[in-house]
Amino acid sequence: MESPCEEQQHSPKHFLMGLPTELHFQISSYLSYPDALALKHTSRHFYSMVYTGVHLKVDWLVQRFEHKLECPLEKCSFRTDEAFCNRRIRRIMERRRRHWECPRRRGGCLVIEGRTCQKDLVPIWLKKEDRVKLLKYVGYEGLVHGLISLCINLLWNLIMVYSLTDYRTTS
């Protein structure tokens, strides 16, 4: 009987880069604009090959409009990806990446069609954009210091309440 190491050596490993270029073209043709843009920026090979032109951008905006999702109301420049990805578009892509737009129902994921989001992994209070920005600004160290000071404050208040009740009962 073969050991687990030998079995792993015999099992073929499949990577995206190991596929033929024709399949890369075929796969990239099914991607929406944000996914194609992400794939385009993964390597030089995909950068020169993945299409993120005007038609893909317009199709993505029309799809968002049909799903009644946020769309940019100001004028968009379709010349380059950099010009197209203004502040508003970047914010929309961030919301999409974090699944903030997905409805809470079976098959409601808008990023991976046919799936249900695992939105409950992130607490609702943290999903507000201002809180996420604050957390990024302060960082996790600031969050830990804040929680420690909150615990100390609660303990201090408990000690004060119990010391006052002991003082009143002895008087």
Protein backbone atom coordinates (compact mmCIF):
# COMPACT_ATOMS: atom_id res chain seq x y z
CA MET A 1 0.00 0.00 0.00
CA GLU A 2 1.28 3.45 -0.89
CA SER A 3 1.95 6.09 1.73
CA PRO A 4 0.03 9.41 1.64
CA CYS A 5 3.14 11.22 0.37
CA GLU A 6 3.42 8.90 -2.63
CA GLU A 7 -0.30 9.32 -3.41
CA GLN A 8 0.07 13.09 -3.39
CA GLN A 9 3.01 12.86 -5.78
CA HIS A 10 1.00 10.81 -8.29
CA SER A 11 -2.14 12.94 -8.18
CA PRO A 12 -2.07 15.59 -10.91
CA LYS A 13 -2.34 19.21 -9.83
CA HIS A 14 -4.29 21.57 -12.01
CA PHE A 15 -3.60 25.27 -12.08
CA LEU A 16 -5.20 28.02 -14.11
CA MET A 17 -1.87 28.89 -15.68
CA GLY A 18 -1.45 25.26 -16.77
CA LEU A 19 -4.47 25.49 -19.06
CA PRO A 20 -4.08 26.38 -22.73
CA THR A 21 -4.42 30.02 -23.75
CA GLU A 22 -7.59 29.23 -25.71
CA LEU A 23 -9.27 28.19 -22.47
CA HIS A 24 -8.03 31.37 -20.80
CA PHE A 25 -9.78 33.39 -23.51
CA GLN A 26 -12.93 31.31 -23.12
CA ILE A 27 -13.01 31.63 -19.32
CA SER A 28 -12.33 35.36 -19.36
CA SER A 29 -15.16 35.93 -21.85
CA TYR A 30 -17.69 34.79 -19.21
CA LEU A 31 -16.49 37.20 -16.50
CA SER A 32 -18.23 40.41 -15.51
CA TYR A 33 -16.23 43.64 -15.52
CA PRO A 34 -15.01 43.58 -11.88
CA ASP A 35 -13.95 39.93 -12.13
CA ALA A 36 -12.25 40.46 -15.49
CA LEU A 37 -10.43 43.50 -14.11
CA ALA A 38 -9.23 41.49 -11.10
CA LEU A 39 -8.03 38.65 -13.35
CA LYS A 40 -6.36 41.13 -15.69
CA HIS A 41 -4.20 42.46 -12.86
CA THR A 42 -3.02 39.06 -11.60
CA SER A 43 -0.21 38.57 -14.13
CA ARG A 44 1.34 39.94 -17.31
CA HIS A 45 -0.12 37.04 -19.26
CA PHE A 46 -3.68 37.93 -18.30
CA TYR A 47 -3.06 41.69 -18.50
CA SER A 48 -2.41 41.50 -22.22
CA MET A 49 -5.17 38.98 -22.87
CA VAL A 50 -8.27 39.81 -20.77
CA TYR A 51 -10.77 42.20 -22.36
CA THR A 52 -12.11 44.99 -20.14
CA GLY A 53 -13.34 47.33 -22.85
CA VAL A 54 -16.38 49.55 -23.25
CA HIS A 55 -18.82 46.72 -23.99
CA LEU A 56 -17.95 44.88 -20.78
CA LYS A 57 -18.23 48.07 -18.70
CA VAL A 58 -21.61 48.96 -20.20
CA ASP A 59 -22.92 45.40 -19.75
CA TRP A 60 -21.90 45.50 -16.09
CA LEU A 61 -23.63 48.85 -15.51
CA VAL A 62 -26.79 47.63 -17.29
CA GLN A 63 -26.79 44.45 -15.19
CA ARG A 64 -26.51 46.52 -12.00
CA PHE A 65 -29.35 48.75 -13.16
CA GLU A 66 -31.55 45.72 -13.90
CA HIS A 67 -30.90 44.33 -10.40
CA LYS A 68 -31.76 47.77 -8.96
CA LEU A 69 -28.29 48.17 -7.47
CA GLU A 70 -26.34 51.39 -7.04
CA CYS A 71 -25.12 52.85 -10.33
CA PRO A 72 -22.99 55.95 -10.86
CA LEU A 73 -25.19 58.92 -11.69
CA GLU A 74 -22.39 61.17 -12.90
CA LYS A 75 -20.62 60.94 -16.23
CA CYS A 76 -18.28 57.94 -16.61
CA SER A 77 -15.18 57.88 -18.75
CA PHE A 78 -14.96 54.61 -20.67
CA ARG A 79 -11.53 55.26 -22.23
CA THR A 80 -9.37 53.31 -19.78
CA ASP A 81 -9.90 51.17 -16.70
CA GLU A 82 -8.17 53.77 -14.56
CA ALA A 83 -10.40 56.57 -15.84
CA PHE A 84 -13.53 54.42 -15.47
CA CYS A 85 -12.75 53.38 -11.90
CA ASN A 86 -13.43 56.73 -10.30
CA ARG A 87 -14.19 57.05 -6.59
CA ARG A 88 -17.84 56.05 -6.98
CA ILE A 89 -17.07 52.94 -9.06
CA ARG A 90 -14.35 51.88 -6.60
CA ARG A 91 -16.88 52.19 -3.76
CA ILE A 92 -19.42 50.09 -5.69
CA MET A 93 -16.77 47.41 -6.33
CA GLU A 94 -15.81 47.40 -2.65
CA ARG A 95 -19.46 46.89 -1.66
CA ARG A 96 -19.71 44.04 -4.19
CA ARG A 97 -16.49 42.41 -2.94
CA ARG A 98 -17.77 42.42 0.63
CA HIS A 99 -21.24 41.10 -0.42
CA TRP A 100 -22.97 44.12 1.14
CA GLU A 101 -25.46 44.30 -1.74
CA CYS A 102 -26.52 40.65 -1.64
CA PRO A 103 -30.06 39.98 -0.36
CA ARG A 104 -30.51 37.61 2.59
CA ARG A 105 -32.19 34.66 0.91
CA ARG A 106 -31.28 31.33 -0.62
CA GLY A 107 -29.44 31.85 -3.89
CA GLY A 108 -29.26 35.58 -3.20
CA CYS A 109 -25.57 36.09 -3.78
CA LEU A 110 -24.95 38.57 -6.57
CA VAL A 111 -21.21 37.92 -6.75
CA ILE A 112 -21.32 34.13 -7.18
CA GLU A 113 -24.60 33.39 -8.92
CA GLY A 114 -26.65 30.58 -7.43
CA ARG A 115 -24.91 30.69 -4.07
CA THR A 116 -26.02 31.99 -0.71
CA CYS A 117 -23.74 34.55 0.90
CA GLN A 118 -22.08 33.89 4.19
CA LYS A 119 -22.86 37.43 5.29
CA ASP A 120 -23.36 36.39 8.89
CA LEU A 121 -19.62 35.90 9.29
CA VAL A 122 -19.28 39.69 9.60
CA PRO A 123 -21.37 41.30 12.37
CA ILE A 124 -24.06 43.70 11.17
CA TRP A 125 -22.70 46.59 13.27
CA LEU A 126 -19.37 46.31 11.43
CA LYS A 127 -20.96 46.38 7.95
CA LYS A 128 -21.71 50.10 8.16
CA GLU A 129 -19.20 51.88 5.92
CA ASP A 130 -18.25 54.50 8.51
CA ARG A 131 -17.37 51.84 11.07
CA VAL A 132 -15.22 49.94 8.60
CA LYS A 133 -13.34 53.15 7.74
CA LEU A 134 -12.88 53.89 11.45
CA LEU A 135 -11.63 50.36 12.10
CA LYS A 136 -9.14 50.64 9.22
CA TYR A 137 -7.98 54.05 10.48
CA VAL A 138 -7.59 53.06 14.13
CA GLY A 139 -6.51 49.52 13.41
CA TYR A 140 -6.97 46.39 15.44
CA GLU A 141 -4.59 47.58 18.14
CA GLY A 142 -6.83 50.57 18.82
CA LEU A 143 -9.83 48.25 18.94
CA VAL A 144 -8.13 46.04 21.54
CA HIS A 145 -7.16 49.05 23.66
CA GLY A 146 -10.73 50.34 23.45
CA LEU A 147 -12.15 46.99 24.58
CA ILE A 148 -9.69 46.81 27.49
CA SER A 149 -10.60 50.33 28.65
CA LEU A 150 -14.30 49.45 28.36
CA CYS A 151 -13.81 46.37 30.57
CA ILE A 152 -11.86 48.39 33.14
CA ASN A 153 -14.60 51.03 33.16
CA LEU A 154 -17.30 48.38 33.70
CA LEU A 155 -15.32 46.75 36.52
CA TRP A 156 -14.76 50.13 38.18
CA ASN A 157 -18.48 50.89 38.06
CA LEU A 158 -19.32 47.47 39.54
CA ILE A 159 -16.84 48.02 42.38
CA MET A 160 -18.31 51.45 43.09
CA VAL A 161 -21.89 50.10 43.16
CA TYR A 162 -20.99 47.25 45.52
CA SER A 163 -18.90 49.47 47.78
CA LEU A 164 -21.82 51.93 48.08
CA THR A 165 -24.26 49.13 48.95
CA ASP A 166 -21.82 47.77 51.59
CA TYR A 167 -21.42 51.29 53.04
CA ARG A 168 -25.20 51.80 53.27
CA THR A 169 -25.81 48.42 54.94
CA THR A 170 -23.16 49.03 57.61
CA SER A 171 -24.41 52.56 58.44
